[in-house]
Amino acid sequence: MSRVLTIDVPTGVRAYQLDTDRGSFAVLDASPSAGARRGTALLLPGFTGSKEDFLPLLAPLAGAGFRAVAIDGRGQYESAGPREESAYAQRELARDAVAQSAALTDGGGPLHLLGHSLGGLIARAAVLDAAPAPLPWASLTLMSCGPAAVGAAQRVRTRMLVDALGGMDMDDIWQVMRAVEAEGATAAAAEVEAFRHRRWMSTVPEQLIATGRQLIDEPDRVAELAAVPLRKLVVSGTDDETWPVPGLDEMARRLGAERVVVDGGGHSPGVHRPAETARALTAFWSPARDR
């Protein structure tokens, strides 16, 4: 289950619905000071997650001169979605990402695409769907996202959740997940727990079912992505149970991508080590003459 440590929205971050030609999507938009923008980054969250997963990154990214737009995909938290699994096929979500990107292409510098975990699979699909036409992005960052399906243990857990979503009440599932998660975990602040429950209850079950199956069944598309002429970065923590880190190292090699490992970042380096993660991202996004 996606974790957040804070729900405090940094000063200057705007929350609104981004209008695209594929509908409206809830965003948190952090912009640098006037005249200081060096580019824009579209941030796609992972499974069970939302735009709030990127809250710790928004201020440091904006402070470095990048407009950072974190988004809820269709059916996630504050973005509406139909009660139909086919609406959440990976190609549909990829086309959403292309439309979201088009809505952010306003001449304010290059556009960078980042996907965390499941969001990385969607971002990859968006790039492959858009190629070989001229791409709207200057780079692609895969954060804690592997080459194919999640690891064996995570596949078992995800399959159990998908099966439960097919027949159990959302709140009942929440109570079970919280009981399992609480074993050995540090208790979160009350407002964070309330937010996580609200987010879970607001997410469309069919979205979770369809994307959960994608995590279980995703094929290896690294060779396809490597053939796309786009700068790429693979970033992760030193430990990750979702996609083992050695597999991420090998994926970066196959992609010809830059590779950053954030000490102590876990599966969510942007949450656990935001300053270090933001520095890695802004260094990668900066023009070669500035790096």
Protein backbone atom coordinates (compact mmCIF):
# COMPACT_ATOMS: atom_id res chain seq x y z
CA MET A 1 0.00 0.00 0.00
CA SER A 2 1.35 3.41 -0.94
CA ARG A 3 2.70 5.29 2.06
CA VAL A 4 2.89 9.00 2.80
CA LEU A 5 4.54 10.57 5.82
CA THR A 6 2.91 13.99 5.53
CA ILE A 7 -0.07 15.57 3.85
CA ASP A 8 1.12 19.14 4.41
CA VAL A 9 0.85 21.01 1.11
CA PRO A 10 3.84 23.35 0.61
CA THR A 11 3.22 27.06 0.26
CA GLY A 12 2.55 28.07 -3.31
CA VAL A 13 1.31 24.68 -4.47
CA ARG A 14 -2.02 24.87 -6.31
CA ALA A 15 -4.63 22.10 -6.28
CA TYR A 16 -7.01 22.07 -9.24
CA GLN A 17 -8.46 19.99 -12.06
CA LEU A 18 -6.28 19.89 -15.16
CA ASP A 19 -8.43 19.87 -18.29
CA THR A 20 -7.27 17.67 -21.17
CA ASP A 21 -8.82 16.23 -24.30
CA ARG A 22 -9.35 12.99 -22.33
CA GLY A 23 -11.05 14.54 -19.33
CA SER A 24 -10.08 16.37 -16.15
CA PHE A 25 -7.48 15.16 -13.65
CA ALA A 26 -6.74 16.35 -10.12
CA VAL A 27 -3.26 17.85 -9.77
CA LEU A 28 -0.92 19.48 -7.31
CA ASP A 29 1.05 22.10 -9.23
CA ALA A 30 4.23 23.67 -7.82
CA SER A 31 5.77 26.42 -9.93
CA PRO A 32 9.08 28.22 -9.49
CA SER A 33 9.26 31.98 -9.15
CA ALA A 34 8.40 34.05 -12.19
CA GLY A 35 11.02 33.88 -14.91
CA ALA A 36 12.97 31.11 -13.19
CA ARG A 37 11.42 28.06 -14.83
CA ARG A 38 13.88 25.61 -16.35
CA GLY A 39 11.28 23.05 -17.36
CA THR A 40 8.18 21.12 -16.28
CA ALA A 41 7.86 17.63 -14.81
CA LEU A 42 4.73 15.48 -14.92
CA LEU A 43 4.73 13.04 -12.00
CA LEU A 44 2.66 9.83 -12.24
CA PRO A 45 1.97 7.95 -8.95
CA GLY A 46 1.96 4.23 -8.28
CA PHE A 47 -0.52 1.51 -7.36
CA THR A 48 -2.88 2.53 -4.50
CA GLY A 49 -1.16 5.92 -4.60
CA SER A 50 -2.01 9.48 -5.57
CA LYS A 51 -0.48 12.86 -6.30
CA GLU A 52 0.16 13.32 -2.57
CA ASP A 53 2.93 10.72 -2.76
CA PHE A 54 5.03 13.48 -4.36
CA LEU A 55 4.35 16.17 -1.74
CA PRO A 56 7.89 16.09 -0.26
CA LEU A 57 9.40 16.61 -3.74
CA LEU A 58 7.29 19.55 -4.88
CA ALA A 59 9.03 22.38 -3.00
CA PRO A 60 12.63 21.27 -3.73
CA LEU A 61 11.84 20.73 -7.42
CA ALA A 62 10.19 24.15 -7.70
CA GLY A 63 13.06 25.68 -5.75
CA ALA A 64 15.45 24.28 -8.35
CA GLY A 65 13.47 25.96 -11.13
CA PHE A 66 11.20 23.15 -12.30
CA ARG A 67 7.43 23.27 -12.40
CA ALA A 68 6.34 19.99 -10.79
CA VAL A 69 2.83 18.69 -11.53
CA ALA A 70 1.75 15.60 -9.58
CA ILE A 71 -1.43 14.02 -10.86
CA ASP A 72 -4.14 11.53 -9.92
CA GLY A 73 -4.73 9.19 -12.84
CA ARG A 74 -8.25 8.30 -13.86
CA GLY A 75 -10.03 6.54 -11.02
CA GLN A 76 -7.32 7.50 -8.50
CA TYR A 77 -8.39 9.47 -5.43
CA GLU A 78 -9.67 12.86 -6.71
CA SER A 79 -9.81 12.05 -10.44
CA ALA A 80 -13.09 10.58 -11.60
CA GLY A 81 -13.27 7.26 -13.40
CA PRO A 82 -15.92 4.79 -14.61
CA ARG A 83 -16.84 1.54 -12.86
CA GLU A 84 -15.56 -0.50 -15.78
CA GLU A 85 -12.24 -2.38 -15.83
CA SER A 86 -11.65 -1.80 -19.55
CA ALA A 87 -11.33 1.94 -18.87
CA TYR A 88 -8.10 1.21 -16.99
CA ALA A 89 -6.33 -0.85 -19.62
CA GLN A 90 -2.70 0.21 -19.72
CA ARG A 91 -3.00 1.77 -23.16
CA GLU A 92 -5.94 3.90 -21.97
CA LEU A 93 -3.90 5.15 -19.02
CA ALA A 94 -0.93 5.77 -21.33
CA ARG A 95 -3.09 7.88 -23.64
CA ASP A 96 -4.21 9.84 -20.58
CA ALA A 97 -0.56 10.58 -19.81
CA VAL A 98 -0.01 11.82 -23.36
CA ALA A 99 -3.05 14.09 -23.05
CA GLN A 100 -1.92 15.35 -19.65
CA SER A 101 1.49 16.13 -21.12
CA ALA A 102 -0.08 18.04 -24.00
CA ALA A 103 -2.00 20.17 -21.50
CA LEU A 104 1.29 21.11 -19.80
CA THR A 105 3.25 21.99 -22.95
CA ASP A 106 3.09 25.76 -22.67
CA GLY A 107 6.52 26.85 -23.84
CA GLY A 108 7.95 27.03 -20.32
CA GLY A 109 10.98 24.88 -21.06
CA PRO A 110 11.29 21.14 -21.75
CA LEU A 111 8.77 18.65 -20.39
CA HIS A 112 10.01 15.67 -18.36
CA LEU A 113 7.95 12.55 -17.63
CA LEU A 114 8.39 10.63 -14.35
CA GLY A 115 6.53 7.52 -13.24
CA HIS A 116 6.80 5.95 -9.81
CA SER A 117 6.23 2.17 -9.58
CA LEU A 118 3.01 1.44 -11.53
CA GLY A 119 3.28 5.00 -12.82
CA GLY A 120 6.56 4.00 -14.42
CA LEU A 121 4.86 1.23 -16.39
CA ILE A 122 2.24 3.72 -17.54
CA ALA A 123 4.91 6.30 -18.45
CA ARG A 124 6.81 3.64 -20.41
CA ALA A 125 3.63 2.66 -22.26
CA ALA A 126 2.96 6.35 -23.03
CA VAL A 127 6.39 6.76 -24.60
CA LEU A 128 6.03 3.56 -26.63
CA ASP A 129 2.51 4.53 -27.70
CA ALA A 130 3.65 7.97 -28.84
CA ALA A 131 6.81 6.80 -30.68
CA PRO A 132 8.04 7.08 -33.37
CA ALA A 133 6.31 10.44 -33.79
CA PRO A 134 8.13 13.43 -32.26
CA LEU A 135 7.80 13.02 -28.50
CA PRO A 136 6.58 15.80 -26.20
CA TRP A 137 9.10 14.80 -23.50
CA ALA A 138 12.76 15.66 -23.11
CA SER A 139 13.32 12.70 -20.77
CA LEU A 140 11.78 9.72 -19.02
CA THR A 141 12.44 8.81 -15.38
CA LEU A 142 11.46 5.39 -14.03
CA MET A 143 11.39 5.59 -10.23
CA SER A 144 11.30 2.25 -8.39
CA CYS A 145 9.84 0.61 -11.48
CA GLY A 146 11.23 -2.57 -13.00
CA PRO A 147 11.47 -4.18 -16.42
CA ALA A 148 8.41 -6.44 -16.20
CA ALA A 149 6.03 -7.85 -13.57
CA VAL A 150 6.72 -7.23 -9.90
CA GLY A 151 8.76 -9.72 -7.86
CA ALA A 152 7.33 -13.08 -6.80
CA ALA A 153 6.33 -12.12 -3.25
CA GLN A 154 4.71 -8.90 -4.44
CA ARG A 155 2.81 -10.81 -7.14
CA VAL A 156 1.27 -13.02 -4.44
CA ARG A 157 0.21 -10.01 -2.36
CA THR A 158 -1.16 -8.16 -5.36
CA ARG A 159 -3.12 -11.19 -6.56
CA MET A 160 -4.68 -11.56 -3.11
CA LEU A 161 -5.74 -7.91 -3.20
CA VAL A 162 -7.19 -8.18 -6.71
CA ASP A 163 -9.17 -11.27 -5.68
CA ALA A 164 -10.48 -9.49 -2.58
CA LEU A 165 -11.54 -6.45 -4.59
CA GLY A 166 -13.70 -8.70 -6.71
CA GLY A 167 -15.92 -9.69 -3.80
CA MET A 168 -15.27 -7.68 -0.62
CA ASP A 169 -16.31 -4.25 0.56
CA MET A 170 -13.60 -1.58 0.21
CA ASP A 171 -13.69 -0.65 3.88
CA ASP A 172 -13.46 -4.28 4.96
CA ILE A 173 -10.39 -4.71 2.76
CA TRP A 174 -8.91 -1.56 4.27
CA GLN A 175 -9.27 -2.93 7.79
CA VAL A 176 -7.52 -6.17 6.81
CA MET A 177 -4.68 -4.33 5.07
CA ARG A 178 -4.18 -2.03 8.03
CA ALA A 179 -4.03 -4.98 10.42
CA VAL A 180 -1.36 -6.67 8.29
CA GLU A 181 0.57 -3.45 7.77
CA ALA A 182 0.53 -2.56 11.46
CA GLU A 183 2.69 -5.56 12.38
CA GLY A 184 6.09 -4.07 13.13
CA ALA A 185 5.23 -0.71 11.54
CA THR A 186 5.52 2.69 13.17
CA ALA A 187 2.15 4.33 13.71
CA ALA A 188 1.46 7.27 11.39
CA ALA A 189 -0.01 10.58 12.49
CA ALA A 190 -3.79 10.58 12.82
CA GLU A 191 -4.28 13.04 9.95
CA VAL A 192 -2.11 10.91 7.66
CA GLU A 193 -4.06 7.76 8.52
CA ALA A 194 -7.34 9.61 7.92
CA PHE A 195 -6.06 10.77 4.54
CA ARG A 196 -4.93 7.29 3.53
CA HIS A 197 -8.33 5.84 4.41
CA ARG A 198 -10.11 8.62 2.50
CA ARG A 199 -7.88 8.07 -0.52
CA TRP A 200 -8.47 4.32 -0.48
CA MET A 201 -12.23 4.73 -0.23
CA SER A 202 -12.23 7.31 -3.05
CA THR A 203 -10.26 5.15 -5.50
CA VAL A 204 -12.36 3.24 -8.03
CA PRO A 205 -12.14 -0.52 -7.30
CA GLU A 206 -12.03 -1.40 -10.99
CA GLN A 207 -8.97 0.82 -11.35
CA LEU A 208 -7.21 -1.16 -8.63
CA ILE A 209 -8.24 -4.49 -10.14
CA ALA A 210 -7.10 -3.59 -13.65
CA THR A 211 -3.80 -2.02 -12.61
CA GLY A 212 -3.12 -4.77 -10.09
CA ARG A 213 -3.34 -7.29 -12.93
CA GLN A 214 -0.90 -5.17 -14.93
CA LEU A 215 1.63 -5.40 -12.10
CA ILE A 216 1.21 -9.18 -12.06
CA ASP A 217 1.32 -9.74 -15.83
CA GLU A 218 3.47 -6.92 -17.26
CA PRO A 219 5.82 -8.19 -20.00
CA ASP A 220 9.44 -7.10 -20.41
CA ARG A 221 9.43 -4.16 -22.84
CA VAL A 222 12.92 -2.87 -22.13
CA ALA A 223 14.24 -3.57 -25.62
CA GLU A 224 11.37 -1.59 -27.14
CA LEU A 225 12.02 1.34 -24.83
CA ALA A 226 15.78 1.23 -25.39
CA ALA A 227 15.14 1.81 -29.10
CA VAL A 228 13.34 5.11 -28.42
CA PRO A 229 15.79 8.05 -28.68
CA LEU A 230 14.98 9.67 -25.35
CA ARG A 231 17.17 10.39 -22.32
CA LYS A 232 16.32 7.99 -19.51
CA LEU A 233 16.97 7.75 -15.78
CA VAL A 234 16.36 4.80 -13.44
CA VAL A 235 16.21 5.84 -9.78
CA SER A 236 15.43 3.75 -6.72
CA GLY A 237 16.31 3.23 -3.09
CA THR A 238 18.99 0.80 -1.97
CA ASP A 239 16.33 -1.75 -0.99
CA ASP A 240 13.06 -2.53 -2.75
CA GLU A 241 10.82 -5.57 -2.26
CA THR A 242 8.59 -4.66 -5.21
CA TRP A 243 11.26 -4.90 -7.90
CA PRO A 244 14.62 -6.19 -6.65
CA VAL A 245 17.37 -3.59 -7.04
CA PRO A 246 19.76 -5.82 -9.06
CA GLY A 247 17.02 -6.11 -11.67
CA LEU A 248 16.76 -2.31 -11.79
CA ASP A 249 20.53 -2.07 -12.26
CA GLU A 250 20.33 -4.48 -15.19
CA MET A 251 17.35 -2.66 -16.68
CA ALA A 252 19.26 0.64 -16.60
CA ARG A 253 22.17 -1.03 -18.39
CA ARG A 254 19.89 -2.45 -21.09
CA LEU A 255 18.23 0.95 -21.54
CA GLY A 256 21.48 2.85 -21.69
CA ALA A 257 19.95 4.95 -18.91
CA GLU A 258 21.54 6.96 -16.16
CA ARG A 259 21.25 5.21 -12.78
CA VAL A 260 20.85 6.70 -9.30
CA VAL A 261 20.49 4.72 -6.07
CA VAL A 262 19.25 6.78 -3.10
CA ASP A 263 20.55 5.45 0.20
CA GLY A 264 17.63 4.68 2.52
CA GLY A 265 15.06 5.53 -0.13
CA GLY A 266 13.23 2.19 -0.10
CA HIS A 267 10.47 1.81 -2.66
CA SER A 268 9.59 5.51 -2.33
CA PRO A 269 12.80 7.57 -2.36
CA GLY A 270 10.77 10.72 -2.97
CA VAL A 271 9.01 10.14 0.37
CA HIS A 272 11.88 8.87 2.50
CA ARG A 273 14.76 10.88 1.01
CA PRO A 274 13.18 13.83 -0.82
CA ALA A 275 16.17 16.19 -0.76
CA GLU A 276 18.55 13.59 -2.21
CA THR A 277 15.96 12.45 -4.75
CA ALA A 278 15.19 15.99 -5.87
CA ARG A 279 18.89 16.70 -6.37
CA ALA A 280 19.24 13.60 -8.54
CA LEU A 281 16.21 14.53 -10.62
CA THR A 282 17.15 18.16 -11.16
CA ALA A 283 20.71 17.19 -12.07
CA PHE A 284 19.34 14.79 -14.69
CA TRP A 285 16.81 17.30 -16.02
CA SER A 286 19.33 20.12 -16.28
CA PRO A 287 20.81 20.85 -19.73
CA ALA A 288 24.17 19.23 -20.34
CA ARG A 289 25.95 22.60 -20.14
CA ASP A 290 24.68 23.01 -16.54
CA ARG A 291 25.58 19.50 -15.33
